Amino acid sequence: QVQLVESGGGLVQAGGSLRLSCAASGRTFSRYAMGWFRQAPGKEREFVAAISWSGGSTYYADSMKGRFTISRDNAKNTVYLQMNSLKPEDTAVYYCAAVVWYGSSPPPLASRYDYWGQGTQVTVSS
């Protein structure tokens, strides 16, 4: 099993940047593909980005391409989400998630992930 703890959320003005971190417990972090999802009030949880176990493959939702970058440091058991050019519609609780996945294309579906963090709030003011 793996436990996930997100950090780095906060309040930022539109056009600003934030970097979220997700620290994982355990010695087998490199077994897991990692994903970031978000959920705004009254909306369903949506896919943001995912990264393969090695970091060699990344996958983004269309609305995040070019603005968000997912990365990971397996030596630090941490996955990151760099968010630039933030918009008010990016306001949501952001969750990281993990799944044992050795393929090159990590899944974009929340239902495929087995472990979740508690979430971190990102608020973008206009």
N, C-alpha and C. Protein backbone atom coordinates (compact mmCIF):
# COMPACT_ATOMS: atom_id res chain seq x y z
N GLN A 1 0.83 -1.19 0.00
CA GLN A 1 0.00 0.00 0.00
C GLN A 1 0.87 1.25 0.00
N VAL A 2 0.25 2.35 -0.34
CA VAL A 2 0.95 3.63 -0.35
C VAL A 2 0.03 4.69 0.21
N GLN A 3 0.60 5.59 0.97
CA GLN A 3 -0.15 6.73 1.49
C GLN A 3 0.34 7.99 0.81
N LEU A 4 -0.60 8.87 0.47
CA LEU A 4 -0.28 10.05 -0.32
C LEU A 4 -0.69 11.30 0.44
N VAL A 5 0.19 12.29 0.43
CA VAL A 5 -0.10 13.57 1.09
C VAL A 5 0.25 14.70 0.14
N GLU A 6 -0.77 15.48 -0.22
CA GLU A 6 -0.58 16.61 -1.12
C GLU A 6 -0.24 17.87 -0.33
N SER A 7 0.45 18.78 -0.98
CA SER A 7 0.75 20.08 -0.41
C SER A 7 0.98 21.07 -1.54
N GLY A 8 1.01 22.35 -1.18
CA GLY A 8 1.33 23.37 -2.16
C GLY A 8 0.16 24.17 -2.67
N GLY A 9 -1.04 23.80 -2.26
CA GLY A 9 -2.20 24.57 -2.70
C GLY A 9 -2.24 25.93 -2.04
N GLY A 10 -3.16 26.76 -2.50
CA GLY A 10 -3.30 28.09 -1.92
C GLY A 10 -4.10 28.99 -2.81
N LEU A 11 -4.01 30.28 -2.49
CA LEU A 11 -4.72 31.31 -3.23
C LEU A 11 -3.75 32.04 -4.14
N VAL A 12 -4.11 32.17 -5.40
CA VAL A 12 -3.24 32.82 -6.37
C VAL A 12 -4.10 33.64 -7.32
N GLN A 13 -3.55 34.70 -7.85
CA GLN A 13 -4.27 35.50 -8.82
C GLN A 13 -4.23 34.84 -10.19
N ALA A 14 -5.21 35.15 -11.00
CA ALA A 14 -5.23 34.64 -12.37
C ALA A 14 -3.94 35.02 -13.08
N GLY A 15 -3.40 34.06 -13.82
CA GLY A 15 -2.13 34.26 -14.50
C GLY A 15 -0.93 33.81 -13.69
N GLY A 16 -1.15 33.53 -12.42
CA GLY A 16 -0.07 33.11 -11.55
C GLY A 16 0.24 31.63 -11.66
N SER A 17 1.15 31.20 -10.78
CA SER A 17 1.61 29.81 -10.81
C SER A 17 1.59 29.21 -9.41
N LEU A 18 1.46 27.91 -9.37
CA LEU A 18 1.60 27.13 -8.14
C LEU A 18 2.25 25.80 -8.50
N ARG A 19 2.97 25.24 -7.55
CA ARG A 19 3.48 23.89 -7.72
C ARG A 19 2.95 23.02 -6.59
N LEU A 20 2.21 22.02 -6.97
CA LEU A 20 1.71 21.05 -6.01
C LEU A 20 2.69 19.90 -5.87
N SER A 21 2.76 19.37 -4.68
CA SER A 21 3.58 18.19 -4.42
C SER A 21 2.72 17.10 -3.81
N CYS A 22 3.10 15.89 -4.07
CA CYS A 22 2.42 14.74 -3.48
C CYS A 22 3.50 13.78 -2.99
N ALA A 23 3.61 13.67 -1.69
CA ALA A 23 4.61 12.79 -1.09
C ALA A 23 3.99 11.43 -0.79
N ALA A 24 4.69 10.39 -1.18
CA ALA A 24 4.18 9.03 -0.99
C ALA A 24 5.02 8.29 0.04
N SER A 25 4.34 7.50 0.83
CA SER A 25 5.04 6.66 1.79
C SER A 25 5.42 5.34 1.13
N GLY A 26 6.28 4.59 1.77
CA GLY A 26 6.60 3.26 1.27
C GLY A 26 7.84 3.24 0.40
N ARG A 27 8.32 2.03 0.15
CA ARG A 27 9.56 1.85 -0.59
C ARG A 27 9.34 1.47 -2.04
N THR A 28 8.08 1.36 -2.43
CA THR A 28 7.79 0.86 -3.77
C THR A 28 7.14 1.92 -4.63
N PHE A 29 7.47 3.17 -4.39
CA PHE A 29 6.85 4.27 -5.14
C PHE A 29 7.03 4.10 -6.64
N SER A 30 8.15 3.60 -7.06
CA SER A 30 8.43 3.49 -8.48
C SER A 30 7.55 2.44 -9.18
N ARG A 31 6.79 1.65 -8.42
CA ARG A 31 5.85 0.70 -9.03
C ARG A 31 4.61 1.39 -9.56
N TYR A 32 4.37 2.59 -9.07
CA TYR A 32 3.08 3.23 -9.30
C TYR A 32 3.12 4.28 -10.41
N ALA A 33 2.13 4.22 -11.29
CA ALA A 33 1.81 5.39 -12.10
C ALA A 33 1.05 6.36 -11.19
N MET A 34 1.25 7.63 -11.45
CA MET A 34 0.65 8.65 -10.59
C MET A 34 -0.22 9.59 -11.43
N GLY A 35 -1.29 10.01 -10.82
CA GLY A 35 -2.19 10.93 -11.51
C GLY A 35 -2.58 12.09 -10.61
N TRP A 36 -2.93 13.18 -11.25
CA TRP A 36 -3.54 14.32 -10.56
C TRP A 36 -4.97 14.49 -11.10
N PHE A 37 -5.88 14.69 -10.18
CA PHE A 37 -7.27 14.94 -10.51
C PHE A 37 -7.72 16.18 -9.74
N ARG A 38 -8.84 16.73 -10.14
CA ARG A 38 -9.36 17.86 -9.41
C ARG A 38 -10.89 17.79 -9.37
N GLN A 39 -11.43 18.44 -8.35
CA GLN A 39 -12.88 18.48 -8.20
C GLN A 39 -13.30 19.85 -7.71
N ALA A 40 -14.11 20.50 -8.51
CA ALA A 40 -14.67 21.80 -8.15
C ALA A 40 -16.03 21.58 -7.49
N PRO A 41 -16.48 22.54 -6.70
CA PRO A 41 -17.78 22.39 -6.03
C PRO A 41 -18.90 22.12 -7.03
N GLY A 42 -19.69 21.10 -6.75
CA GLY A 42 -20.82 20.77 -7.60
C GLY A 42 -20.47 20.07 -8.89
N LYS A 43 -19.19 19.74 -9.06
CA LYS A 43 -18.77 19.08 -10.31
C LYS A 43 -18.15 17.73 -10.00
N GLU A 44 -18.08 16.90 -11.03
CA GLU A 44 -17.44 15.61 -10.88
C GLU A 44 -15.92 15.76 -10.86
N ARG A 45 -15.29 14.76 -10.27
CA ARG A 45 -13.83 14.74 -10.28
C ARG A 45 -13.35 14.56 -11.72
N GLU A 46 -12.36 15.37 -12.12
CA GLU A 46 -11.87 15.29 -13.48
C GLU A 46 -10.37 15.06 -13.53
N PHE A 47 -9.96 14.41 -14.57
CA PHE A 47 -8.55 14.11 -14.80
C PHE A 47 -7.78 15.38 -15.15
N VAL A 48 -6.57 15.49 -14.59
CA VAL A 48 -5.69 16.61 -14.89
C VAL A 48 -4.46 16.13 -15.66
N ALA A 49 -3.73 15.21 -15.07
CA ALA A 49 -2.49 14.74 -15.69
C ALA A 49 -2.09 13.42 -15.05
N ALA A 50 -1.26 12.66 -15.76
CA ALA A 50 -0.74 11.41 -15.22
C ALA A 50 0.67 11.19 -15.72
N ILE A 51 1.41 10.37 -14.98
CA ILE A 51 2.80 10.10 -15.34
C ILE A 51 3.08 8.63 -15.07
N SER A 52 3.85 8.03 -15.95
CA SER A 52 4.17 6.62 -15.81
C SER A 52 5.13 6.38 -14.66
N TRP A 53 5.33 5.11 -14.32
CA TRP A 53 6.16 4.77 -13.17
C TRP A 53 7.58 5.30 -13.31
N SER A 54 8.09 5.35 -14.54
CA SER A 54 9.46 5.80 -14.77
C SER A 54 9.57 7.29 -14.96
N GLY A 55 8.44 7.93 -15.21
CA GLY A 55 8.46 9.35 -15.56
C GLY A 55 8.65 9.58 -17.05
N GLY A 56 8.78 8.51 -17.81
CA GLY A 56 9.06 8.64 -19.22
C GLY A 56 7.86 9.02 -20.07
N SER A 57 6.66 8.80 -19.55
CA SER A 57 5.45 9.13 -20.29
C SER A 57 4.54 9.99 -19.44
N THR A 58 4.00 11.00 -20.06
CA THR A 58 3.05 11.87 -19.39
C THR A 58 1.81 12.05 -20.25
N TYR A 59 0.74 12.40 -19.61
CA TYR A 59 -0.55 12.50 -20.30
C TYR A 59 -1.34 13.60 -19.62
N TYR A 60 -1.96 14.47 -20.43
CA TYR A 60 -2.66 15.63 -19.89
C TYR A 60 -4.08 15.72 -20.46
N ALA A 61 -4.95 16.27 -19.65
CA ALA A 61 -6.25 16.66 -20.18
C ALA A 61 -6.03 17.82 -21.14
N ASP A 62 -6.85 17.91 -22.15
CA ASP A 62 -6.64 18.92 -23.20
C ASP A 62 -6.58 20.34 -22.65
N SER A 63 -7.40 20.64 -21.67
CA SER A 63 -7.45 22.02 -21.17
C SER A 63 -6.23 22.39 -20.34
N MET A 64 -5.41 21.40 -19.98
CA MET A 64 -4.22 21.65 -19.18
C MET A 64 -2.93 21.64 -20.00
N LYS A 65 -3.01 21.15 -21.22
CA LYS A 65 -1.82 21.05 -22.04
C LYS A 65 -1.21 22.43 -22.26
N GLY A 66 0.10 22.49 -22.08
CA GLY A 66 0.81 23.74 -22.26
C GLY A 66 0.83 24.64 -21.04
N ARG A 67 -0.02 24.35 -20.06
CA ARG A 67 -0.05 25.15 -18.84
C ARG A 67 0.44 24.36 -17.63
N PHE A 68 0.13 23.09 -17.59
CA PHE A 68 0.49 22.24 -16.44
C PHE A 68 1.59 21.25 -16.85
N THR A 69 2.45 20.94 -15.90
CA THR A 69 3.50 19.94 -16.13
C THR A 69 3.56 19.00 -14.94
N ILE A 70 3.44 17.71 -15.21
CA ILE A 70 3.57 16.70 -14.18
C ILE A 70 4.97 16.12 -14.25
N SER A 71 5.55 15.86 -13.09
CA SER A 71 6.87 15.25 -13.02
C SER A 71 6.96 14.43 -11.74
N ARG A 72 8.00 13.65 -11.64
CA ARG A 72 8.17 12.84 -10.43
C ARG A 72 9.64 12.66 -10.14
N ASP A 73 9.92 12.44 -8.87
CA ASP A 73 11.27 12.15 -8.41
C ASP A 73 11.16 10.87 -7.58
N ASN A 74 11.51 9.76 -8.17
CA ASN A 74 11.34 8.49 -7.47
C ASN A 74 12.28 8.36 -6.27
N ALA A 75 13.40 9.06 -6.31
CA ALA A 75 14.31 9.03 -5.16
C ALA A 75 13.70 9.72 -3.95
N LYS A 76 12.80 10.67 -4.21
CA LYS A 76 12.14 11.41 -3.13
C LYS A 76 10.71 10.96 -2.89
N ASN A 77 10.28 9.94 -3.63
CA ASN A 77 8.89 9.46 -3.49
C ASN A 77 7.88 10.59 -3.64
N THR A 78 8.10 11.44 -4.62
CA THR A 78 7.26 12.62 -4.77
C THR A 78 6.88 12.84 -6.23
N VAL A 79 5.65 13.24 -6.43
CA VAL A 79 5.18 13.65 -7.75
C VAL A 79 4.75 15.11 -7.65
N TYR A 80 4.96 15.85 -8.72
CA TYR A 80 4.71 17.28 -8.73
C TYR A 80 3.72 17.65 -9.83
N LEU A 81 3.06 18.76 -9.61
CA LEU A 81 2.24 19.34 -10.66
C LEU A 81 2.54 20.84 -10.69
N GLN A 82 3.26 21.26 -11.72
CA GLN A 82 3.54 22.68 -11.91
C GLN A 82 2.40 23.27 -12.72
N MET A 83 1.77 24.28 -12.16
CA MET A 83 0.61 24.89 -12.81
C MET A 83 0.93 26.35 -13.11
N ASN A 84 0.91 26.69 -14.37
CA ASN A 84 1.18 28.06 -14.83
C ASN A 84 -0.05 28.64 -15.51
N SER A 85 -0.04 29.95 -15.66
CA SER A 85 -1.14 30.64 -16.34
C SER A 85 -2.49 30.21 -15.78
N LEU A 86 -2.58 30.22 -14.47
CA LEU A 86 -3.79 29.73 -13.83
C LEU A 86 -4.99 30.63 -14.12
N LYS A 87 -6.14 29.99 -14.21
CA LYS A 87 -7.40 30.67 -14.51
C LYS A 87 -8.37 30.44 -13.36
N PRO A 88 -9.35 31.32 -13.21
CA PRO A 88 -10.35 31.09 -12.15
C PRO A 88 -11.03 29.73 -12.25
N GLU A 89 -11.19 29.23 -13.46
CA GLU A 89 -11.84 27.93 -13.62
C GLU A 89 -10.95 26.76 -13.19
N ASP A 90 -9.71 27.04 -12.85
CA ASP A 90 -8.84 26.00 -12.28
C ASP A 90 -9.08 25.81 -10.79
N THR A 91 -9.89 26.65 -10.21
CA THR A 91 -10.19 26.54 -8.79
C THR A 91 -10.85 25.20 -8.49
N ALA A 92 -10.26 24.47 -7.56
CA ALA A 92 -10.75 23.13 -7.23
C ALA A 92 -9.90 22.56 -6.11
N VAL A 93 -10.33 21.43 -5.59
CA VAL A 93 -9.48 20.62 -4.73
C VAL A 93 -8.72 19.66 -5.65
N TYR A 94 -7.42 19.64 -5.50
CA TYR A 94 -6.56 18.81 -6.34
C TYR A 94 -6.11 17.59 -5.53
N TYR A 95 -6.26 16.44 -6.17
CA TYR A 95 -5.92 15.17 -5.54
C TYR A 95 -4.84 14.46 -6.34
N CYS A 96 -3.92 13.83 -5.65
CA CYS A 96 -3.04 12.91 -6.34
C CYS A 96 -3.50 11.48 -6.07
N ALA A 97 -3.17 10.60 -6.99
CA ALA A 97 -3.63 9.22 -6.91
C ALA A 97 -2.56 8.30 -7.47
N ALA A 98 -2.61 7.05 -7.04
CA ALA A 98 -1.60 6.07 -7.45
C ALA A 98 -2.24 4.77 -7.88
N VAL A 99 -1.62 4.13 -8.85
CA VAL A 99 -2.06 2.81 -9.30
C VAL A 99 -0.83 2.04 -9.76
N VAL A 100 -0.79 0.76 -9.44
CA VAL A 100 0.29 -0.07 -9.96
C VAL A 100 0.04 -0.24 -11.45
N TRP A 101 0.97 0.28 -12.24
CA TRP A 101 0.74 0.33 -13.70
C TRP A 101 2.09 0.37 -14.38
N TYR A 102 2.44 -0.64 -15.13
CA TYR A 102 3.75 -0.70 -15.78
C TYR A 102 3.70 -0.32 -17.25
N GLY A 103 2.52 0.01 -17.74
CA GLY A 103 2.42 0.43 -19.13
C GLY A 103 2.95 1.84 -19.32
N SER A 104 3.10 2.22 -20.56
CA SER A 104 3.65 3.54 -20.88
C SER A 104 2.58 4.62 -20.86
N SER A 105 1.32 4.24 -20.89
CA SER A 105 0.23 5.22 -20.92
C SER A 105 -0.60 5.08 -19.66
N PRO A 106 -0.31 5.88 -18.65
CA PRO A 106 -1.08 5.78 -17.41
C PRO A 106 -2.53 6.15 -17.64
N PRO A 107 -3.44 5.52 -16.93
CA PRO A 107 -4.87 5.73 -17.19
C PRO A 107 -5.35 7.10 -16.77
N PRO A 108 -6.24 7.71 -17.54
CA PRO A 108 -6.84 9.00 -17.17
C PRO A 108 -8.13 8.87 -16.38
N LEU A 109 -8.53 7.67 -16.03
CA LEU A 109 -9.79 7.46 -15.35
C LEU A 109 -9.58 7.33 -13.86
N ALA A 110 -10.35 8.11 -13.09
CA ALA A 110 -10.22 8.07 -11.64
C ALA A 110 -10.50 6.68 -11.09
N SER A 111 -11.41 5.96 -11.72
CA SER A 111 -11.80 4.64 -11.22
C SER A 111 -10.67 3.62 -11.31
N ARG A 112 -9.64 3.91 -12.08
CA ARG A 112 -8.51 2.97 -12.22
C ARG A 112 -7.49 3.11 -11.10
N TYR A 113 -7.59 4.17 -10.32
CA TYR A 113 -6.59 4.44 -9.29
C TYR A 113 -7.04 3.87 -7.95
N ASP A 114 -6.07 3.31 -7.24
CA ASP A 114 -6.37 2.59 -6.00
C ASP A 114 -6.14 3.42 -4.74
N TYR A 115 -5.25 4.37 -4.82
CA TYR A 115 -4.87 5.13 -3.62
C TYR A 115 -5.01 6.62 -3.91
N TRP A 116 -5.49 7.34 -2.90
CA TRP A 116 -5.76 8.77 -3.05
C TRP A 116 -5.27 9.54 -1.84
N GLY A 117 -4.82 10.77 -2.12
CA GLY A 117 -4.52 11.67 -1.04
C GLY A 117 -5.77 12.39 -0.56
N GLN A 118 -5.58 13.27 0.41
CA GLN A 118 -6.71 13.96 1.00
C GLN A 118 -7.09 15.22 0.22
N GLY A 119 -6.24 15.65 -0.67
CA GLY A 119 -6.53 16.81 -1.50
C GLY A 119 -5.94 18.09 -0.95
N THR A 120 -5.70 19.03 -1.85
CA THR A 120 -5.22 20.35 -1.48
C THR A 120 -6.01 21.39 -2.29
N GLN A 121 -6.44 22.43 -1.62
CA GLN A 121 -7.29 23.44 -2.26
C GLN A 121 -6.45 24.42 -3.06
N VAL A 122 -6.89 24.64 -4.29
CA VAL A 122 -6.31 25.68 -5.15
C VAL A 122 -7.43 26.65 -5.49
N THR A 123 -7.19 27.92 -5.19
CA THR A 123 -8.16 28.95 -5.49
C THR A 123 -7.49 30.02 -6.34
N VAL A 124 -8.09 30.29 -7.49
CA VAL A 124 -7.55 31.29 -8.41
C VAL A 124 -8.53 32.45 -8.48
N SER A 125 -8.08 33.60 -8.08
CA SER A 125 -8.94 34.79 -8.08
C SER A 125 -8.79 35.55 -9.39
N SER A 126 -9.88 36.19 -9.79
CA SER A 126 -9.86 36.92 -11.06
C SER A 126 -9.43 38.37 -10.86
